[in-house]
């Protein structure tokens, strides 16, 4: 996910944000929370 050229964040069936991992972590709280949860789970 972190190396994708473009990530599309969906929320309730609508496009909430589009960007790279870095752009979305900075600009989109929904994506930032999802990414943090996924990475914490993957490490454990």
PDB file of N, CA and C in Angstrom:
ATOM      1  N   UNK A   1       0.827  -1.187   0.000  1.00  0.00           N
ATOM      2  CA  UNK A   1       0.000   0.000   0.000  1.00  0.00           C
ATOM      3  C   UNK A   1       0.874   1.254   0.000  1.00  0.00           C
ATOM      4  N   UNK A   2       1.978   1.249   0.706  1.00  0.00           N
ATOM      5  CA  UNK A   2       2.797   2.455   0.800  1.00  0.00           C
ATOM      6  C   UNK A   2       3.529   2.788  -0.487  1.00  0.00           C
ATOM      7  N   UNK A   3       3.636   1.834  -1.412  1.00  0.00           N
ATOM      8  CA  UNK A   3       4.348   2.098  -2.663  1.00  0.00           C
ATOM      9  C   UNK A   3       3.413   2.284  -3.858  1.00  0.00           C
ATOM     10  N   UNK A   4       2.129   2.313  -3.617  1.00  0.00           N
ATOM     11  CA  UNK A   4       1.158   2.499  -4.710  1.00  0.00           C
ATOM     12  C   UNK A   4       1.301   3.898  -5.308  1.00  0.00           C
ATOM     13  N   UNK A   5       1.088   3.992  -6.617  1.00  0.00           N
ATOM     14  CA  UNK A   5       1.136   5.295  -7.287  1.00  0.00           C
ATOM     15  C   UNK A   5      -0.031   6.187  -6.871  1.00  0.00           C
ATOM     16  N   UNK A   6      -1.186   5.553  -6.665  1.00  0.00           N
ATOM     17  CA  UNK A   6      -2.371   6.304  -6.277  1.00  0.00           C
ATOM     18  C   UNK A   6      -3.252   5.416  -5.419  1.00  0.00           C
ATOM     19  N   UNK A   7      -3.739   5.968  -4.325  1.00  0.00           N
ATOM     20  CA  UNK A   7      -4.651   5.260  -3.423  1.00  0.00           C
ATOM     21  C   UNK A   7      -5.953   6.052  -3.410  1.00  0.00           C
ATOM     22  N   UNK A   8      -7.056   5.344  -3.511  1.00  0.00           N
ATOM     23  CA  UNK A   8      -8.368   5.980  -3.449  1.00  0.00           C
ATOM     24  C   UNK A   8      -9.028   5.567  -2.144  1.00  0.00           C
ATOM     25  N   UNK A   9      -9.368   6.539  -1.332  1.00  0.00           N
ATOM     26  CA  UNK A   9     -10.009   6.293  -0.036  1.00  0.00           C
ATOM     27  C   UNK A   9     -11.511   6.421  -0.228  1.00  0.00           C
ATOM     28  N   UNK A  10     -12.234   5.346   0.121  1.00  0.00           N
ATOM     29  CA  UNK A  10     -13.687   5.338   0.006  1.00  0.00           C
ATOM     30  C   UNK A  10     -14.296   5.438   1.408  1.00  0.00           C
ATOM     31  N   UNK A  11     -15.370   6.197   1.511  1.00  0.00           N
ATOM     32  CA  UNK A  11     -16.094   6.318   2.770  1.00  0.00           C
ATOM     33  C   UNK A  11     -17.586   6.345   2.454  1.00  0.00           C
ATOM     34  N   UNK A  12     -18.304   5.355   2.946  1.00  0.00           N
ATOM     35  CA  UNK A  12     -19.744   5.244   2.709  1.00  0.00           C
ATOM     36  C   UNK A  12     -20.071   5.245   1.218  1.00  0.00           C
ATOM     37  N   UNK A  13     -19.230   4.555   0.434  1.00  0.00           N
ATOM     38  CA  UNK A  13     -19.487   4.422  -0.990  1.00  0.00           C
ATOM     39  C   UNK A  13     -19.083   5.610  -1.841  1.00  0.00           C
ATOM     40  N   UNK A  14     -18.456   6.594  -1.240  1.00  0.00           N
ATOM     41  CA  UNK A  14     -18.027   7.783  -1.978  1.00  0.00           C
ATOM     42  C   UNK A  14     -16.518   7.931  -1.887  1.00  0.00           C
ATOM     43  N   UNK A  15     -15.927   8.539  -2.911  1.00  0.00           N
ATOM     44  CA  UNK A  15     -14.494   8.814  -2.888  1.00  0.00           C
ATOM     45  C   UNK A  15     -14.254   9.943  -1.897  1.00  0.00           C
ATOM     46  N   UNK A  16     -13.472   9.650  -0.852  1.00  0.00           N
ATOM     47  CA  UNK A  16     -13.180  10.642   0.181  1.00  0.00           C
ATOM     48  C   UNK A  16     -11.863  11.361  -0.086  1.00  0.00           C
ATOM     49  N   UNK A  17     -10.897  10.660  -0.701  1.00  0.00           N
ATOM     50  CA  UNK A  17      -9.599  11.266  -0.973  1.00  0.00           C
ATOM     51  C   UNK A  17      -8.835  10.406  -1.968  1.00  0.00           C
ATOM     52  N   UNK A  18      -7.890  11.033  -2.665  1.00  0.00           N
ATOM     53  CA  UNK A  18      -7.033  10.343  -3.625  1.00  0.00           C
ATOM     54  C   UNK A  18      -5.632  10.904  -3.467  1.00  0.00           C
ATOM     55  N   UNK A  19      -4.634  10.014  -3.458  1.00  0.00           N
ATOM     56  CA  UNK A  19      -3.257  10.482  -3.374  1.00  0.00           C
ATOM     57  C   UNK A  19      -2.308   9.335  -3.100  1.00  0.00           C
ATOM     58  N   UNK A  20      -1.069   9.680  -2.854  1.00  0.00           N
ATOM     59  CA  UNK A  20      -0.080   8.682  -2.462  1.00  0.00           C
ATOM     60  C   UNK A  20      -0.227   8.422  -0.965  1.00  0.00           C
ATOM     61  N   UNK A  21       0.447   7.409  -0.480  1.00  0.00           N
ATOM     62  CA  UNK A  21       0.412   7.102   0.950  1.00  0.00           C
ATOM     63  C   UNK A  21       0.821   8.324   1.764  1.00  0.00           C
ATOM     64  N   UNK A  22       1.938   8.933   1.399  1.00  0.00           N
ATOM     65  CA  UNK A  22       2.448  10.090   2.155  1.00  0.00           C
ATOM     66  C   UNK A  22       1.464  11.242   2.130  1.00  0.00           C
ATOM     67  N   UNK A  23       0.914  11.555   0.971  1.00  0.00           N
ATOM     68  CA  UNK A  23      -0.055  12.647   0.865  1.00  0.00           C
ATOM     69  C   UNK A  23      -1.282  12.382   1.731  1.00  0.00           C
ATOM     70  N   UNK A  24      -1.770  11.144   1.702  1.00  0.00           N
ATOM     71  CA  UNK A  24      -2.981  10.817   2.451  1.00  0.00           C
ATOM     72  C   UNK A  24      -2.761  10.781   3.953  1.00  0.00           C
ATOM     73  N   UNK A  25      -1.619  10.305   4.395  1.00  0.00           N
ATOM     74  CA  UNK A  25      -1.329  10.297   5.841  1.00  0.00           C
ATOM     75  C   UNK A  25      -1.345  11.726   6.372  1.00  0.00           C
ATOM     76  N   UNK A  26      -0.830  12.653   5.582  1.00  0.00           N
ATOM     77  CA  UNK A  26      -0.781  14.057   6.001  1.00  0.00           C
ATOM     78  C   UNK A  26      -2.161  14.715   5.919  1.00  0.00           C
ATOM     79  N   UNK A  27      -2.906  14.449   4.845  1.00  0.00           N
ATOM     80  CA  UNK A  27      -4.111  15.226   4.549  1.00  0.00           C
ATOM     81  C   UNK A  27      -5.436  14.584   4.931  1.00  0.00           C
ATOM     82  N   UNK A  28      -5.474  13.259   5.112  1.00  0.00           N
ATOM     83  CA  UNK A  28      -6.762  12.591   5.317  1.00  0.00           C
ATOM     84  C   UNK A  28      -6.768  11.789   6.620  1.00  0.00           C
ATOM     85  N   UNK A  29      -7.496  12.257   7.627  1.00  0.00           N
ATOM     86  CA  UNK A  29      -7.522  11.569   8.921  1.00  0.00           C
ATOM     87  C   UNK A  29      -8.056  10.133   8.839  1.00  0.00           C
ATOM     88  N   UNK A  30      -9.021   9.878   7.969  1.00  0.00           N
ATOM     89  CA  UNK A  30      -9.576   8.530   7.815  1.00  0.00           C
ATOM     90  C   UNK A  30      -8.484   7.573   7.326  1.00  0.00           C
ATOM     91  N   UNK A  31      -7.753   7.971   6.309  1.00  0.00           N
ATOM     92  CA  UNK A  31      -6.670   7.131   5.782  1.00  0.00           C
ATOM     93  C   UNK A  31      -5.552   6.983   6.812  1.00  0.00           C
ATOM     94  N   UNK A  32      -5.206   8.063   7.482  1.00  0.00           N
ATOM     95  CA  UNK A  32      -4.133   8.007   8.480  1.00  0.00           C
ATOM     96  C   UNK A  32      -4.466   7.001   9.578  1.00  0.00           C
ATOM     97  N   UNK A  33      -5.711   6.982  10.023  1.00  0.00           N
ATOM     98  CA  UNK A  33      -6.138   6.031  11.048  1.00  0.00           C
ATOM     99  C   UNK A  33      -6.090   4.595  10.524  1.00  0.00           C
ATOM    100  N   UNK A  34      -6.578   4.398   9.311  1.00  0.00           N
ATOM    101  CA  UNK A  34      -6.550   3.078   8.696  1.00  0.00           C
ATOM    102  C   UNK A  34      -5.116   2.581   8.543  1.00  0.00           C
ATOM    103  N   UNK A  35      -4.241   3.420   8.031  1.00  0.00           N
ATOM    104  CA  UNK A  35      -2.847   3.033   7.821  1.00  0.00           C
ATOM    105  C   UNK A  35      -2.184   2.695   9.150  1.00  0.00           C
ATOM    106  N   UNK A  36      -2.405   3.494  10.164  1.00  0.00           N
ATOM    107  CA  UNK A  36      -1.813   3.232  11.481  1.00  0.00           C
ATOM    108  C   UNK A  36      -2.311   1.908  12.040  1.00  0.00           C
ATOM    109  N   UNK A  37      -3.597   1.654  11.910  1.00  0.00           N
ATOM    110  CA  UNK A  37      -4.166   0.399  12.393  1.00  0.00           C
ATOM    111  C   UNK A  37      -3.592  -0.791  11.639  1.00  0.00           C
ATOM    112  N   UNK A  38      -3.485  -0.679  10.338  1.00  0.00           N
ATOM    113  CA  UNK A  38      -2.957  -1.776   9.523  1.00  0.00           C
ATOM    114  C   UNK A  38      -1.508  -2.067   9.854  1.00  0.00           C
ATOM    115  N   UNK A  39      -0.697  -1.034  10.016  1.00  0.00           N
ATOM    116  CA  UNK A  39       0.716  -1.236  10.291  1.00  0.00           C
ATOM    117  C   UNK A  39       0.944  -1.769  11.689  1.00  0.00           C
ATOM    118  N   UNK A  40       0.161  -1.338  12.663  1.00  0.00           N
ATOM    119  CA  UNK A  40       0.277  -1.868  14.019  1.00  0.00           C
ATOM    120  C   UNK A  40      -0.095  -3.336  14.059  1.00  0.00           C
ATOM    121  N   UNK A  41      -1.150  -3.702  13.349  1.00  0.00           N
ATOM    122  CA  UNK A  41      -1.591  -5.085  13.295  1.00  0.00           C
ATOM    123  C   UNK A  41      -0.549  -5.960  12.614  1.00  0.00           C
ATOM    124  N   UNK A  42       0.055  -5.451  11.552  1.00  0.00           N
ATOM    125  CA  UNK A  42       1.047  -6.224  10.801  1.00  0.00           C
ATOM    126  C   UNK A  42       2.305  -6.489  11.626  1.00  0.00           C
ATOM    127  N   UNK A  43       2.640  -5.574  12.531  1.00  0.00           N
ATOM    128  CA  UNK A  43       3.857  -5.697  13.330  1.00  0.00           C
ATOM    129  C   UNK A  43       3.653  -6.685  14.469  1.00  0.00           C
ATOM    130  N   UNK A  44       2.458  -6.724  15.025  1.00  0.00           N
ATOM    131  CA  UNK A  44       2.193  -7.574  16.191  1.00  0.00           C
ATOM    132  C   UNK A  44       2.184  -9.026  15.888  1.00  0.00           C
TER     133      UNK A  44
END
